[in-house]
């Protein structure tokens, strides 16, 4: 009896560690780092900034600017991004935080004047950059641990 109990507890610990190993602590990024979200010093600035990190589901991005008038406009396609199409979801206030909860590629630009043409635009790839083809239900770590715990208890008491 004691050996079964030790086995079940050991199994629970190993399985829990495996579930938690894949857990990811989301990060919050200030877009553009210390520069913030402004007309950049060169047209490749934001591309270089995004290339320094790998963004994951749950990460947040804060669009900050302290001078001038700017927007963070999310456009739908790469073509709209390349052409600086200034129609899309517009965030007008500095300090807006955007969080992404699925893989995908997101295109942002400033829709003020010629800011986009001067390089105030960026592409954010979350995960592999490919959006999911369907919305699959997800198990949180807590729900997975609960299911594992109760199934282990059931195995213990049924044996």
N, C-alpha and C. Protein backbone atom coordinates (compact mmCIF):
# COMPACT_ATOMS: atom_id res chain seq x y z
N UNK A 1 0.82 -1.19 0.00
CA UNK A 1 0.00 0.00 0.00
C UNK A 1 0.87 1.25 0.00
N UNK A 2 1.90 1.24 0.85
CA UNK A 2 2.79 2.41 0.93
C UNK A 2 3.54 2.61 -0.38
N UNK A 3 3.89 1.51 -1.06
CA UNK A 3 4.62 1.66 -2.32
C UNK A 3 3.72 2.28 -3.39
N UNK A 4 2.42 1.92 -3.39
CA UNK A 4 1.49 2.54 -4.35
C UNK A 4 1.36 4.04 -4.09
N UNK A 5 1.27 4.39 -2.83
CA UNK A 5 1.15 5.80 -2.46
C UNK A 5 2.39 6.56 -2.91
N UNK A 6 3.57 6.01 -2.66
CA UNK A 6 4.81 6.66 -3.10
C UNK A 6 4.86 6.76 -4.62
N UNK A 7 4.43 5.69 -5.31
CA UNK A 7 4.41 5.74 -6.78
C UNK A 7 3.48 6.84 -7.28
N UNK A 8 2.29 6.91 -6.72
CA UNK A 8 1.31 7.91 -7.17
C UNK A 8 1.79 9.33 -6.88
N UNK A 9 2.36 9.55 -5.71
CA UNK A 9 2.88 10.88 -5.38
C UNK A 9 4.04 11.24 -6.31
N UNK A 10 4.93 10.28 -6.54
CA UNK A 10 6.05 10.51 -7.47
C UNK A 10 5.56 10.83 -8.87
N UNK A 11 4.54 10.08 -9.32
CA UNK A 11 3.97 10.34 -10.65
C UNK A 11 3.38 11.74 -10.72
N UNK A 12 2.67 12.13 -9.68
CA UNK A 12 2.07 13.47 -9.64
C UNK A 12 3.15 14.55 -9.70
N UNK A 13 4.23 14.39 -8.99
CA UNK A 13 5.30 15.39 -8.99
C UNK A 13 5.96 15.48 -10.36
N UNK A 14 6.27 14.34 -10.96
CA UNK A 14 6.92 14.33 -12.28
C UNK A 14 5.99 14.93 -13.33
N UNK A 15 4.73 14.55 -13.33
CA UNK A 15 3.78 15.08 -14.32
C UNK A 15 3.57 16.57 -14.13
N UNK A 16 3.50 17.02 -12.88
CA UNK A 16 3.32 18.45 -12.61
C UNK A 16 4.52 19.24 -13.11
N UNK A 17 5.71 18.74 -12.88
CA UNK A 17 6.91 19.42 -13.35
C UNK A 17 6.90 19.52 -14.87
N UNK A 18 6.45 18.47 -15.53
CA UNK A 18 6.38 18.49 -16.99
C UNK A 18 5.40 19.53 -17.50
N UNK A 19 4.26 19.67 -16.84
CA UNK A 19 3.27 20.68 -17.25
C UNK A 19 3.80 22.08 -17.03
N UNK A 20 4.43 22.30 -15.90
CA UNK A 20 4.91 23.63 -15.58
C UNK A 20 6.15 24.01 -16.36
N UNK A 21 6.90 23.02 -16.85
CA UNK A 21 8.11 23.30 -17.62
C UNK A 21 7.78 24.14 -18.86
N UNK A 22 6.63 23.88 -19.48
CA UNK A 22 6.25 24.61 -20.67
C UNK A 22 5.59 25.95 -20.38
N UNK A 23 5.39 26.28 -19.12
CA UNK A 23 4.74 27.54 -18.77
C UNK A 23 5.62 28.71 -19.18
N UNK A 24 5.01 29.79 -19.60
CA UNK A 24 5.73 30.94 -20.11
C UNK A 24 5.26 32.19 -19.39
N UNK A 25 6.20 32.95 -18.90
CA UNK A 25 5.86 34.23 -18.25
C UNK A 25 5.82 35.30 -19.33
N UNK A 26 4.65 35.88 -19.54
CA UNK A 26 4.49 36.90 -20.57
C UNK A 26 5.32 38.13 -20.26
N UNK A 27 5.76 38.79 -21.30
CA UNK A 27 6.56 40.01 -21.17
C UNK A 27 5.77 41.22 -21.64
N UNK A 28 6.13 42.38 -21.11
CA UNK A 28 5.58 43.65 -21.59
C UNK A 28 6.73 44.43 -22.21
N UNK A 29 6.54 44.83 -23.46
CA UNK A 29 7.56 45.56 -24.21
C UNK A 29 7.11 46.99 -24.43
N UNK A 30 8.03 47.94 -24.26
CA UNK A 30 7.78 49.31 -24.68
C UNK A 30 8.24 49.39 -26.12
N UNK A 31 7.30 49.63 -27.02
CA UNK A 31 7.60 49.65 -28.45
C UNK A 31 8.73 50.65 -28.73
N UNK A 32 9.77 50.16 -29.39
CA UNK A 32 10.90 51.01 -29.73
C UNK A 32 11.91 51.18 -28.61
N UNK A 33 11.69 50.50 -27.49
CA UNK A 33 12.62 50.62 -26.36
C UNK A 33 12.66 52.04 -25.83
N UNK A 34 13.86 52.55 -25.58
CA UNK A 34 14.02 53.90 -25.02
C UNK A 34 13.54 54.99 -25.98
N UNK A 35 13.57 54.72 -27.28
CA UNK A 35 13.13 55.72 -28.26
C UNK A 35 11.62 55.92 -28.18
N UNK A 36 10.90 54.82 -27.95
CA UNK A 36 9.44 54.89 -27.93
C UNK A 36 8.88 54.82 -29.34
N UNK A 37 7.64 55.26 -29.48
CA UNK A 37 6.92 55.20 -30.76
C UNK A 37 6.90 56.61 -31.35
N UNK A 38 7.93 56.91 -32.14
CA UNK A 38 8.06 58.22 -32.78
C UNK A 38 8.62 58.01 -34.18
N UNK A 39 8.74 59.09 -34.95
CA UNK A 39 9.41 58.98 -36.24
C UNK A 39 10.86 58.60 -35.93
N UNK A 40 11.31 57.45 -36.44
CA UNK A 40 12.63 56.93 -36.04
C UNK A 40 13.79 57.63 -36.76
N UNK A 41 15.00 57.47 -36.24
CA UNK A 41 16.16 58.08 -36.86
C UNK A 41 16.51 57.46 -38.22
N UNK A 42 16.07 56.22 -38.45
CA UNK A 42 16.26 55.58 -39.77
C UNK A 42 15.07 54.68 -40.06
N UNK A 43 14.82 54.39 -41.32
CA UNK A 43 13.60 53.68 -41.70
C UNK A 43 13.59 52.21 -41.27
N UNK A 44 14.73 51.66 -40.87
CA UNK A 44 14.76 50.27 -40.45
C UNK A 44 14.77 50.11 -38.93
N UNK A 45 14.61 51.21 -38.21
CA UNK A 45 14.73 51.17 -36.74
C UNK A 45 13.79 50.14 -36.10
N UNK A 46 12.50 50.18 -36.41
CA UNK A 46 11.54 49.29 -35.75
C UNK A 46 11.72 47.84 -36.20
N UNK A 47 12.14 47.63 -37.44
CA UNK A 47 12.44 46.28 -37.90
C UNK A 47 13.61 45.71 -37.09
N UNK A 48 14.63 46.53 -36.87
CA UNK A 48 15.77 46.09 -36.06
C UNK A 48 15.35 45.85 -34.61
N UNK A 49 14.47 46.71 -34.09
CA UNK A 49 14.01 46.55 -32.71
C UNK A 49 13.26 45.24 -32.53
N UNK A 50 12.34 44.91 -33.45
CA UNK A 50 11.56 43.67 -33.31
C UNK A 50 12.43 42.43 -33.52
N UNK A 51 13.49 42.55 -34.31
CA UNK A 51 14.34 41.39 -34.58
C UNK A 51 15.17 40.97 -33.36
N UNK A 52 15.21 41.79 -32.33
CA UNK A 52 16.00 41.49 -31.13
C UNK A 52 15.26 40.60 -30.14
N UNK A 53 13.98 40.33 -30.38
CA UNK A 53 13.19 39.54 -29.45
C UNK A 53 12.32 38.54 -30.20
N UNK A 54 11.96 37.48 -29.49
CA UNK A 54 10.97 36.53 -30.00
C UNK A 54 9.72 36.75 -29.17
N UNK A 55 8.64 37.12 -29.81
CA UNK A 55 7.41 37.46 -29.10
C UNK A 55 6.51 36.23 -29.03
N UNK A 56 5.87 36.07 -27.87
CA UNK A 56 5.05 34.89 -27.62
C UNK A 56 3.62 35.30 -27.25
N UNK A 57 2.73 34.32 -27.31
CA UNK A 57 1.35 34.52 -26.90
C UNK A 57 1.34 35.05 -25.47
N UNK A 58 0.56 36.09 -25.23
CA UNK A 58 0.45 36.70 -23.90
C UNK A 58 1.32 37.93 -23.73
N UNK A 59 2.29 38.13 -24.63
CA UNK A 59 3.13 39.32 -24.55
C UNK A 59 2.30 40.57 -24.84
N UNK A 60 2.71 41.68 -24.21
CA UNK A 60 2.02 42.96 -24.37
C UNK A 60 2.99 43.99 -24.92
N UNK A 61 2.44 44.96 -25.64
CA UNK A 61 3.23 46.03 -26.26
C UNK A 61 2.61 47.36 -25.88
N UNK A 62 3.44 48.27 -25.36
CA UNK A 62 2.98 49.58 -24.95
C UNK A 62 3.51 50.60 -25.95
N UNK A 63 2.61 51.34 -26.56
CA UNK A 63 2.97 52.38 -27.52
C UNK A 63 3.08 53.70 -26.77
N UNK A 64 4.31 54.16 -26.53
CA UNK A 64 4.56 55.41 -25.80
C UNK A 64 5.15 56.47 -26.72
N UNK A 65 4.67 57.69 -26.57
CA UNK A 65 5.32 58.85 -27.19
C UNK A 65 5.10 60.04 -26.28
N UNK A 66 6.11 60.88 -26.21
CA UNK A 66 6.03 62.03 -25.30
C UNK A 66 5.96 63.35 -26.04
N UNK A 67 6.31 63.33 -27.31
CA UNK A 67 6.25 64.57 -28.10
C UNK A 67 5.53 64.31 -29.42
N UNK A 68 4.91 65.31 -29.93
CA UNK A 68 4.24 65.20 -31.22
C UNK A 68 2.93 64.46 -31.15
N UNK A 69 2.28 64.41 -32.29
CA UNK A 69 1.02 63.70 -32.43
C UNK A 69 1.28 62.43 -33.22
N UNK A 70 0.90 61.31 -32.64
CA UNK A 70 1.11 60.01 -33.28
C UNK A 70 -0.11 59.14 -33.06
N UNK A 71 -0.18 58.08 -33.82
CA UNK A 71 -1.17 57.04 -33.61
C UNK A 71 -0.46 55.70 -33.74
N UNK A 72 -1.07 54.68 -33.24
CA UNK A 72 -0.65 53.31 -33.52
C UNK A 72 -1.84 52.70 -34.24
N UNK A 73 -1.71 52.57 -35.54
CA UNK A 73 -2.81 52.07 -36.36
C UNK A 73 -2.48 50.65 -36.80
N UNK A 74 -3.35 49.70 -36.46
CA UNK A 74 -3.14 48.33 -36.92
C UNK A 74 -3.87 48.13 -38.24
N UNK A 75 -3.11 47.77 -39.27
CA UNK A 75 -3.69 47.48 -40.58
C UNK A 75 -3.73 45.97 -40.77
N UNK A 76 -4.53 45.53 -41.72
CA UNK A 76 -4.83 44.10 -41.85
C UNK A 76 -3.82 43.28 -42.63
N UNK A 77 -3.17 43.89 -43.62
CA UNK A 77 -2.34 43.09 -44.52
C UNK A 77 -0.95 43.70 -44.70
N UNK A 78 -0.05 42.88 -45.21
CA UNK A 78 1.30 43.34 -45.52
C UNK A 78 1.25 44.40 -46.61
N UNK A 79 0.35 44.26 -47.56
CA UNK A 79 0.21 45.24 -48.63
C UNK A 79 -0.19 46.61 -48.07
N UNK A 80 -1.15 46.63 -47.14
CA UNK A 80 -1.54 47.89 -46.50
C UNK A 80 -0.37 48.48 -45.71
N UNK A 81 0.39 47.62 -45.08
CA UNK A 81 1.57 48.05 -44.32
C UNK A 81 2.61 48.66 -45.27
N UNK A 82 2.93 47.93 -46.34
CA UNK A 82 3.93 48.41 -47.30
C UNK A 82 3.52 49.73 -47.94
N UNK A 83 2.22 49.90 -48.19
CA UNK A 83 1.72 51.11 -48.85
C UNK A 83 1.34 52.22 -47.87
N UNK A 84 1.58 51.99 -46.58
CA UNK A 84 1.21 52.96 -45.54
C UNK A 84 -0.26 53.36 -45.62
N UNK A 85 -1.11 52.36 -45.83
CA UNK A 85 -2.55 52.59 -45.83
C UNK A 85 -2.95 53.00 -44.43
N UNK A 86 -3.62 54.12 -44.31
CA UNK A 86 -3.87 54.70 -42.99
C UNK A 86 -5.28 54.43 -42.49
N UNK A 87 -5.79 53.25 -42.80
CA UNK A 87 -7.10 52.87 -42.33
C UNK A 87 -6.97 51.56 -41.56
N UNK A 88 -7.50 51.53 -40.38
CA UNK A 88 -7.45 50.34 -39.55
C UNK A 88 -7.84 50.71 -38.14
N UNK A 89 -7.54 49.84 -37.20
CA UNK A 89 -7.83 50.11 -35.80
C UNK A 89 -6.81 51.12 -35.29
N UNK A 90 -7.28 52.29 -34.86
CA UNK A 90 -6.39 53.39 -34.49
C UNK A 90 -6.38 53.56 -32.97
N UNK A 91 -5.16 53.53 -32.41
CA UNK A 91 -4.95 53.83 -30.99
C UNK A 91 -4.39 55.24 -30.94
N UNK A 92 -5.15 56.19 -30.38
CA UNK A 92 -4.75 57.59 -30.43
C UNK A 92 -4.01 58.08 -29.21
N UNK A 93 -4.10 57.36 -28.11
CA UNK A 93 -3.49 57.84 -26.87
C UNK A 93 -2.19 57.11 -26.59
N UNK A 94 -1.19 57.86 -26.14
CA UNK A 94 0.08 57.25 -25.74
C UNK A 94 -0.15 56.36 -24.52
N UNK A 95 0.67 55.35 -24.40
CA UNK A 95 0.57 54.45 -23.25
C UNK A 95 -0.41 53.32 -23.43
N UNK A 96 -0.97 53.17 -24.61
CA UNK A 96 -1.93 52.09 -24.84
C UNK A 96 -1.17 50.76 -24.87
N UNK A 97 -1.72 49.80 -24.17
CA UNK A 97 -1.11 48.46 -24.09
C UNK A 97 -1.94 47.50 -24.93
N UNK A 98 -1.25 46.78 -25.81
CA UNK A 98 -1.90 45.79 -26.67
C UNK A 98 -1.33 44.43 -26.32
N UNK A 99 -2.21 43.45 -26.06
CA UNK A 99 -1.78 42.10 -25.72
C UNK A 99 -2.30 41.15 -26.78
N UNK A 100 -1.45 40.20 -27.17
CA UNK A 100 -1.83 39.23 -28.20
C UNK A 100 -1.99 37.86 -27.57
N UNK A 101 -3.13 37.21 -27.85
CA UNK A 101 -3.46 35.93 -27.24
C UNK A 101 -3.47 34.78 -28.23
N UNK A 102 -2.89 34.98 -29.40
CA UNK A 102 -2.79 33.91 -30.39
C UNK A 102 -1.61 34.22 -31.31
N UNK A 103 -1.08 33.16 -31.92
CA UNK A 103 -0.03 33.36 -32.92
C UNK A 103 -0.59 34.19 -34.06
N UNK A 104 0.26 34.97 -34.67
CA UNK A 104 -0.16 35.77 -35.82
C UNK A 104 0.84 36.86 -36.12
N UNK A 105 0.61 37.54 -37.22
CA UNK A 105 1.45 38.66 -37.62
C UNK A 105 0.60 39.91 -37.60
N UNK A 106 1.10 40.95 -36.95
CA UNK A 106 0.36 42.20 -36.77
C UNK A 106 1.17 43.35 -37.35
N UNK A 107 0.48 44.21 -38.09
CA UNK A 107 1.12 45.33 -38.78
C UNK A 107 0.66 46.64 -38.16
N UNK A 108 1.61 47.43 -37.67
CA UNK A 108 1.30 48.72 -37.06
C UNK A 108 2.03 49.83 -37.80
N UNK A 109 1.36 50.97 -37.88
CA UNK A 109 1.98 52.16 -38.46
C UNK A 109 1.38 53.40 -37.82
N UNK A 110 2.08 54.51 -37.99
CA UNK A 110 1.53 55.78 -37.53
C UNK A 110 0.78 56.39 -38.71
N UNK A 111 -0.45 56.81 -38.48
CA UNK A 111 -1.27 57.36 -39.56
C UNK A 111 -1.23 58.88 -39.62
N UNK A 112 -0.34 59.50 -38.86
CA UNK A 112 -0.19 60.96 -38.88
C UNK A 112 0.75 61.38 -40.01
N UNK A 113 0.29 62.30 -40.83
CA UNK A 113 1.13 62.89 -41.88
C UNK A 113 1.92 61.85 -42.66
N UNK A 114 3.23 62.07 -42.77
CA UNK A 114 4.10 61.15 -43.50
C UNK A 114 4.96 60.30 -42.55
N UNK A 115 4.52 60.15 -41.30
CA UNK A 115 5.30 59.40 -40.32
C UNK A 115 5.56 57.96 -40.78
N UNK A 116 4.55 57.30 -41.34
CA UNK A 116 4.72 55.92 -41.81
C UNK A 116 5.78 55.88 -42.91
N UNK A 117 5.67 56.78 -43.87
CA UNK A 117 6.63 56.81 -44.99
C UNK A 117 8.05 57.07 -44.48
N UNK A 118 8.18 57.71 -43.32
CA UNK A 118 9.49 58.00 -42.74
C UNK A 118 9.99 56.84 -41.86
N UNK A 119 9.22 55.77 -41.78
CA UNK A 119 9.67 54.59 -41.05
C UNK A 119 8.98 54.30 -39.75
N UNK A 120 7.95 55.05 -39.39
CA UNK A 120 7.25 54.77 -38.13
C UNK A 120 6.19 53.70 -38.39
N UNK A 121 6.70 52.48 -38.53
CA UNK A 121 5.84 51.32 -38.74
C UNK A 121 6.63 50.08 -38.34
N UNK A 122 5.89 49.04 -37.93
CA UNK A 122 6.57 47.81 -37.53
C UNK A 122 5.65 46.61 -37.66
N UNK A 123 6.30 45.46 -37.79
CA UNK A 123 5.62 44.17 -37.87
C UNK A 123 5.92 43.41 -36.60
N UNK A 124 4.87 42.93 -35.93
CA UNK A 124 5.03 42.12 -34.73
C UNK A 124 4.57 40.70 -35.06
N UNK A 125 5.49 39.75 -34.95
CA UNK A 125 5.14 38.34 -35.15
C UNK A 125 5.05 37.67 -33.79
N UNK A 126 3.88 37.11 -33.51
CA UNK A 126 3.65 36.39 -32.27
C UNK A 126 3.81 34.90 -32.56
N UNK A 127 4.67 34.24 -31.79
CA UNK A 127 4.94 32.82 -32.03
C UNK A 127 5.55 32.64 -33.40
N UNK A 128 4.98 31.75 -34.18
CA UNK A 128 5.49 31.51 -35.53
C UNK A 128 4.93 32.50 -36.55
N UNK A 129 4.07 33.41 -36.10
CA UNK A 129 3.51 34.42 -36.99
C UNK A 129 2.31 33.94 -37.78
N UNK A 130 1.98 32.66 -37.66
CA UNK A 130 0.86 32.09 -38.41
C UNK A 130 -0.35 31.97 -37.49
N UNK A 131 -1.45 32.64 -37.83
CA UNK A 131 -2.63 32.56 -36.96
C UNK A 131 -3.21 31.16 -36.96
N UNK A 132 -3.86 30.76 -35.86
CA UNK A 132 -4.48 29.43 -35.81
C UNK A 132 -5.63 29.36 -36.80
N UNK A 133 -5.84 28.16 -37.36
CA UNK A 133 -6.92 28.00 -38.33
C UNK A 133 -8.26 27.80 -37.64
N UNK A 134 -8.24 27.47 -36.38
CA UNK A 134 -9.47 27.35 -35.60
C UNK A 134 -9.14 27.70 -34.15
N UNK A 135 -10.17 28.03 -33.41
CA UNK A 135 -9.97 28.37 -32.00
C UNK A 135 -10.08 27.10 -31.17
N UNK A 136 -8.95 26.55 -30.80
CA UNK A 136 -8.94 25.33 -30.00
C UNK A 136 -9.05 25.71 -28.52
N UNK A 137 -9.79 24.93 -27.76
CA UNK A 137 -9.85 25.21 -26.33
C UNK A 137 -8.48 25.00 -25.71
N UNK A 138 -8.15 25.80 -24.71
CA UNK A 138 -6.84 25.66 -24.08
C UNK A 138 -7.01 25.32 -22.61
N UNK A 139 -6.08 24.53 -22.12
CA UNK A 139 -6.05 24.20 -20.70
C UNK A 139 -5.02 25.08 -20.03
N UNK A 140 -5.42 25.72 -18.99
CA UNK A 140 -4.44 26.49 -18.23
C UNK A 140 -3.63 25.50 -17.39
N UNK A 141 -2.50 25.93 -16.93
CA UNK A 141 -1.67 25.07 -16.10
C UNK A 141 -2.43 24.62 -14.85
N UNK A 142 -3.22 25.53 -14.26
CA UNK A 142 -3.97 25.19 -13.05
C UNK A 142 -5.02 24.13 -13.35
N UNK A 143 -5.72 24.26 -14.47
CA UNK A 143 -6.74 23.27 -14.83
C UNK A 143 -6.09 21.93 -15.12
N UNK A 144 -4.95 21.95 -15.79
CA UNK A 144 -4.25 20.70 -16.11
C UNK A 144 -3.77 20.02 -14.83
N UNK A 145 -3.24 20.81 -13.90
CA UNK A 145 -2.78 20.25 -12.63
C UNK A 145 -3.95 19.67 -11.84
N UNK A 146 -5.08 20.36 -11.85
CA UNK A 146 -6.26 19.86 -11.14
C UNK A 146 -6.72 18.53 -11.73
N UNK A 147 -6.77 18.46 -13.05
CA UNK A 147 -7.19 17.22 -13.70
C UNK A 147 -6.22 16.09 -13.37
N UNK A 148 -4.94 16.39 -13.39
CA UNK A 148 -3.93 15.39 -13.08
C UNK A 148 -4.05 14.93 -11.62
N UNK A 149 -4.24 15.87 -10.73
CA UNK A 149 -4.35 15.54 -9.30
C UNK A 149 -5.54 14.62 -9.05
N UNK A 150 -6.72 14.99 -9.58
CA UNK A 150 -7.91 14.20 -9.33
C UNK A 150 -7.86 12.84 -10.03
N UNK A 151 -7.25 12.78 -11.19
CA UNK A 151 -7.12 11.47 -11.85
C UNK A 151 -6.15 10.58 -11.08
N UNK A 152 -5.10 11.18 -10.49
CA UNK A 152 -4.18 10.40 -9.66
C UNK A 152 -4.88 9.89 -8.41
N UNK A 153 -5.70 10.73 -7.80
CA UNK A 153 -6.47 10.29 -6.63
C UNK A 153 -7.41 9.13 -7.00
N UNK A 154 -8.04 9.24 -8.15
CA UNK A 154 -8.96 8.18 -8.58
C UNK A 154 -8.20 6.87 -8.80
N UNK A 155 -7.02 6.95 -9.42
CA UNK A 155 -6.21 5.75 -9.62
C UNK A 155 -5.83 5.14 -8.29
N UNK A 156 -5.44 5.99 -7.36
CA UNK A 156 -5.01 5.53 -6.03
C UNK A 156 -6.13 4.78 -5.31
N UNK A 157 -7.32 5.39 -5.32
CA UNK A 157 -8.41 4.79 -4.56
C UNK A 157 -9.06 3.61 -5.29
N UNK A 158 -8.91 3.52 -6.59
CA UNK A 158 -9.47 2.40 -7.33
C UNK A 158 -8.56 1.17 -7.26
N UNK A 159 -7.30 1.38 -6.90
CA UNK A 159 -6.38 0.25 -6.81
C UNK A 159 -6.42 -0.42 -5.51
